[in-house]
């Protein structure tokens, strides 16, 4: 005896993080009204969960679905630092880097926050709880944390750089590839402060715009002329050195 359509569908989408009506139509061979009704019934009985309009999942884990909601995108920033064991903090939100704007989504009482970045940086596809996720490389997560400090305190990026888990050659390649001068100043200054490998070249001598070390703090403190950095949060280094 053939399996009921609902059971067959659930079996086929077992490893699919996110799906919609088109996938249901393809897998079941049914028309749009039937697929819409099937999704409604499965969601009503709790066998699938609604993420947003027209998007569903069988997972209850926001981390498992976060990087599959829009394409291309990947988990990054504080969430990636935590995944790789580069921070002791457990962020409440899941941060996703994407090259187009999207409003945050609340799923399973967790905010999935999309951080717009015109140029995406290197990321990986990894197995996670019988599914696949896209996640920033560790070095990408650090670079983006220093770029988007409204989402990650600078001290978390500094701790990650001291973790002993970072490929500094890879970090140099990713950071230089951004072409972000303020980021390079900030990263070079931090690496010097924590006595890490000197992988970032100092700016050329001469007039230069001063970049803030901590974008969340007021503009006050010591200016390092060599790096063109205003050290406006010395406590970052006092806490960890």
Protein backbone atom coordinates (compact mmCIF):
# COMPACT_ATOMS: atom_id res chain seq x y z
CA UNK A 1 0.00 0.00 0.00
CA UNK A 2 1.32 3.42 -0.93
CA UNK A 3 2.14 5.79 1.90
CA UNK A 4 -0.25 8.70 2.49
CA UNK A 5 0.96 11.90 0.78
CA UNK A 6 1.75 13.67 4.09
CA UNK A 7 3.93 10.81 5.37
CA UNK A 8 5.72 10.54 2.04
CA UNK A 9 6.42 14.28 2.02
CA UNK A 10 7.78 14.29 5.58
CA UNK A 11 10.13 11.45 4.70
CA UNK A 12 11.42 13.21 1.57
CA UNK A 13 12.07 16.57 3.27
CA UNK A 14 13.76 15.04 6.32
CA UNK A 15 17.13 16.65 5.56
CA UNK A 16 15.81 19.84 3.97
CA UNK A 17 16.19 22.83 6.30
CA UNK A 18 13.69 25.14 4.57
CA UNK A 19 11.05 24.45 1.92
CA UNK A 20 7.98 26.01 0.36
CA UNK A 21 5.01 25.19 -1.82
CA UNK A 22 7.04 24.67 -5.00
CA UNK A 23 9.12 21.97 -3.31
CA UNK A 24 5.97 20.30 -2.02
CA UNK A 25 4.42 20.30 -5.50
CA UNK A 26 7.58 18.81 -6.98
CA UNK A 27 7.88 16.09 -4.36
CA UNK A 28 4.22 15.08 -4.28
CA UNK A 29 3.23 15.70 -7.89
CA UNK A 30 0.16 17.61 -6.68
CA UNK A 31 -1.23 20.96 -7.81
CA UNK A 32 -0.89 24.26 -5.94
CA UNK A 33 -4.24 24.18 -4.04
CA UNK A 34 -3.52 20.67 -2.75
CA UNK A 35 0.06 21.58 -1.76
CA UNK A 36 -1.18 24.70 0.05
CA UNK A 37 -3.79 22.67 1.96
CA UNK A 38 -1.24 19.99 2.84
CA UNK A 39 1.19 22.58 4.24
CA UNK A 40 -1.61 24.18 6.24
CA UNK A 41 -2.64 20.84 7.78
CA UNK A 42 0.91 19.80 8.60
CA UNK A 43 1.63 23.16 10.23
CA UNK A 44 -1.65 23.07 12.18
CA UNK A 45 -0.79 19.64 13.62
CA UNK A 46 2.77 20.70 14.48
CA UNK A 47 4.52 18.31 12.11
CA UNK A 48 6.12 21.24 10.28
CA UNK A 49 6.77 24.80 11.48
CA UNK A 50 6.14 28.05 9.68
CA UNK A 51 9.20 30.33 9.39
CA UNK A 52 7.58 33.14 7.43
CA UNK A 53 4.98 33.43 4.72
CA UNK A 54 5.42 30.52 2.32
CA UNK A 55 8.51 29.07 4.08
CA UNK A 56 8.41 26.04 6.36
CA UNK A 57 10.73 23.61 8.15
CA UNK A 58 10.63 20.37 10.10
CA UNK A 59 13.36 21.67 12.43
CA UNK A 60 12.84 23.49 15.72
CA UNK A 61 16.42 24.84 15.75
CA UNK A 62 16.88 28.44 14.52
CA UNK A 63 20.59 27.79 13.92
CA UNK A 64 19.77 24.96 11.51
CA UNK A 65 17.54 27.08 9.28
CA UNK A 66 19.05 30.58 9.57
CA UNK A 67 21.41 30.37 6.57
CA UNK A 68 18.80 28.76 4.30
CA UNK A 69 16.14 31.46 4.42
CA UNK A 70 17.73 33.66 1.73
CA UNK A 71 20.46 32.78 -0.76
CA UNK A 72 23.32 33.47 -0.62
CA UNK A 73 23.82 33.94 3.09
CA UNK A 74 25.75 32.42 5.98
CA UNK A 75 25.82 32.44 9.77
CA UNK A 76 28.50 34.80 11.01
CA UNK A 77 29.51 37.39 13.61
CA UNK A 78 28.86 36.45 17.25
CA UNK A 79 26.96 33.28 16.26
CA UNK A 80 29.89 31.91 14.26
CA UNK A 81 32.39 32.86 16.98
CA UNK A 82 30.32 30.84 19.45
CA UNK A 83 29.98 27.88 17.04
CA UNK A 84 33.77 27.63 16.68
CA UNK A 85 34.40 28.01 20.42
CA UNK A 86 36.00 31.44 19.97
CA UNK A 87 33.82 33.12 22.60
CA UNK A 88 32.46 32.06 25.95
CA UNK A 89 29.34 34.15 25.46
CA UNK A 90 26.13 32.62 24.10
CA UNK A 91 24.41 35.17 21.87
CA UNK A 92 20.63 35.31 22.15
CA UNK A 93 20.20 36.00 18.43
CA UNK A 94 21.42 34.16 15.34
CA UNK A 95 23.32 36.53 13.04
CA UNK A 96 23.31 35.93 9.29
CA UNK A 97 25.36 37.85 6.71
CA UNK A 98 23.57 38.42 3.41
CA UNK A 99 24.13 40.60 0.35
CA UNK A 100 20.60 41.94 0.35
CA UNK A 101 18.41 43.58 2.96
CA UNK A 102 15.94 41.50 4.94
CA UNK A 103 13.99 42.13 8.10
CA UNK A 104 14.67 39.96 11.12
CA UNK A 105 12.58 36.84 11.74
CA UNK A 106 11.54 35.40 15.08
CA UNK A 107 11.55 31.62 15.07
CA UNK A 108 11.28 29.38 18.15
CA UNK A 109 11.57 32.48 20.37
CA UNK A 110 14.91 33.39 18.75
CA UNK A 111 15.60 36.38 16.54
CA UNK A 112 17.33 35.61 13.25
CA UNK A 113 19.01 38.89 12.30
CA UNK A 114 20.21 39.55 8.76
CA UNK A 115 23.26 41.81 8.45
CA UNK A 116 23.61 43.43 5.05
CA UNK A 117 27.05 43.29 3.45
CA UNK A 118 27.46 44.10 -0.23
CA UNK A 119 30.40 41.73 -0.70
CA UNK A 120 30.25 38.32 0.97
CA UNK A 121 33.40 36.79 2.44
CA UNK A 122 34.55 33.14 2.52
CA UNK A 123 32.16 30.69 4.18
CA UNK A 124 31.68 26.94 4.53
CA UNK A 125 28.97 24.32 4.10
CA UNK A 126 28.91 22.08 7.19
CA UNK A 127 26.78 19.24 8.45
CA UNK A 128 24.66 20.18 11.45
CA UNK A 129 22.03 17.96 13.13
CA UNK A 130 21.36 15.89 10.00
CA UNK A 131 21.12 19.02 7.88
CA UNK A 132 23.58 21.37 6.20
CA UNK A 133 24.26 24.96 7.16
CA UNK A 134 26.33 27.73 5.61
CA UNK A 135 28.64 29.42 8.11
CA UNK A 136 31.48 31.93 7.95
CA UNK A 137 35.02 30.67 8.20
CA UNK A 138 36.47 31.55 11.64
CA UNK A 139 38.64 34.27 10.10
CA UNK A 140 35.66 35.71 8.24
CA UNK A 141 33.67 35.83 11.48
CA UNK A 142 36.44 37.88 13.12
CA UNK A 143 36.76 40.29 10.19
CA UNK A 144 33.01 40.84 10.04
CA UNK A 145 32.81 41.27 13.81
CA UNK A 146 35.29 44.13 13.57
CA UNK A 147 33.29 45.64 10.69
CA UNK A 148 29.84 45.30 12.28
CA UNK A 149 30.52 46.14 15.91
CA UNK A 150 26.91 47.08 16.55
CA UNK A 151 26.34 43.33 16.73
CA UNK A 152 29.55 42.14 18.45
CA UNK A 153 31.55 43.93 21.17
CA UNK A 154 35.13 44.50 20.03
CA UNK A 155 36.51 42.58 23.00
CA UNK A 156 34.90 39.38 21.68
CA UNK A 157 36.84 39.70 18.42
CA UNK A 158 40.01 40.38 20.39
CA UNK A 159 39.49 37.25 22.50
CA UNK A 160 38.91 35.21 19.35
CA UNK A 161 42.23 36.44 17.95
CA UNK A 162 43.93 35.17 21.13
CA UNK A 163 42.24 31.77 21.04
CA UNK A 164 45.07 29.91 19.31
CA UNK A 165 42.56 28.62 16.73
CA UNK A 166 43.08 31.25 14.02
CA UNK A 167 44.88 30.79 10.72
CA UNK A 168 46.64 34.16 10.46
CA UNK A 169 47.63 33.70 6.82
CA UNK A 170 43.96 33.11 5.99
CA UNK A 171 42.96 36.08 8.15
CA UNK A 172 45.37 38.33 6.25
CA UNK A 173 43.99 37.23 2.88
CA UNK A 174 40.36 37.75 3.92
CA UNK A 175 40.98 41.11 5.61
CA UNK A 176 43.02 42.53 2.74
CA UNK A 177 40.37 41.35 0.30
CA UNK A 178 37.75 43.61 1.88
CA UNK A 179 39.60 46.77 0.85
CA UNK A 180 38.26 48.32 4.06
CA UNK A 181 41.02 50.67 5.25
CA UNK A 182 39.48 51.33 8.68
CA UNK A 183 39.13 47.59 9.29
CA UNK A 184 42.78 46.99 8.36
CA UNK A 185 43.95 49.73 10.71
CA UNK A 186 41.82 48.33 13.51
CA UNK A 187 42.96 44.75 12.94
CA UNK A 188 46.64 45.67 12.61
CA UNK A 189 46.50 47.73 15.81
CA UNK A 190 44.81 44.91 17.76
CA UNK A 191 47.25 42.27 16.54
CA UNK A 192 50.19 44.41 17.63
CA UNK A 193 48.63 45.01 21.03
CA UNK A 194 48.11 41.30 21.71
CA UNK A 195 51.54 40.34 20.31
CA UNK A 196 50.05 38.28 17.48
CA UNK A 197 51.73 37.77 14.08
CA UNK A 198 52.21 41.04 12.21
CA UNK A 199 50.21 40.24 9.12
CA UNK A 200 48.77 43.70 8.36
CA UNK A 201 50.94 46.46 6.88
CA UNK A 202 50.88 49.82 8.61
CA UNK A 203 49.37 52.74 6.66
CA UNK A 204 51.77 54.87 4.65
CA UNK A 205 53.15 57.88 6.58
CA UNK A 206 51.30 61.13 6.02
CA UNK A 207 47.84 62.60 6.61
CA UNK A 208 45.29 59.87 7.24
CA UNK A 209 41.76 59.55 8.51
CA UNK A 210 41.63 58.32 12.08
CA UNK A 211 39.60 55.15 12.66
CA UNK A 212 37.97 54.28 15.97
CA UNK A 213 38.99 51.09 17.71
CA UNK A 214 35.56 50.64 19.32
CA UNK A 215 32.65 51.87 17.22
CA UNK A 216 30.32 51.64 20.23
CA UNK A 217 32.31 54.05 22.44
CA UNK A 218 32.68 57.85 22.37
CA UNK A 219 35.57 59.33 20.40
CA UNK A 220 38.09 59.96 23.16
CA UNK A 221 41.45 58.53 24.12
CA UNK A 222 44.94 58.09 22.73
CA UNK A 223 45.64 58.32 19.01
CA UNK A 224 48.17 55.85 17.64
CA UNK A 225 49.67 57.81 14.75
CA UNK A 226 51.39 54.78 13.25
CA UNK A 227 48.13 52.91 12.77
CA UNK A 228 45.81 55.88 12.44
CA UNK A 229 43.69 54.49 15.27
CA UNK A 230 41.94 56.23 18.14
CA UNK A 231 42.18 53.83 21.07
CA UNK A 232 38.87 54.79 22.65
CA UNK A 233 38.53 51.62 24.74
CA UNK A 234 41.79 50.74 26.48
CA UNK A 235 39.88 48.43 28.85
CA UNK A 236 39.65 45.90 26.00
CA UNK A 237 43.34 45.12 26.42
CA UNK A 238 43.48 45.56 30.18
CA UNK A 239 40.93 42.78 30.60
CA UNK A 240 42.70 40.17 28.54
CA UNK A 241 46.44 40.80 28.68
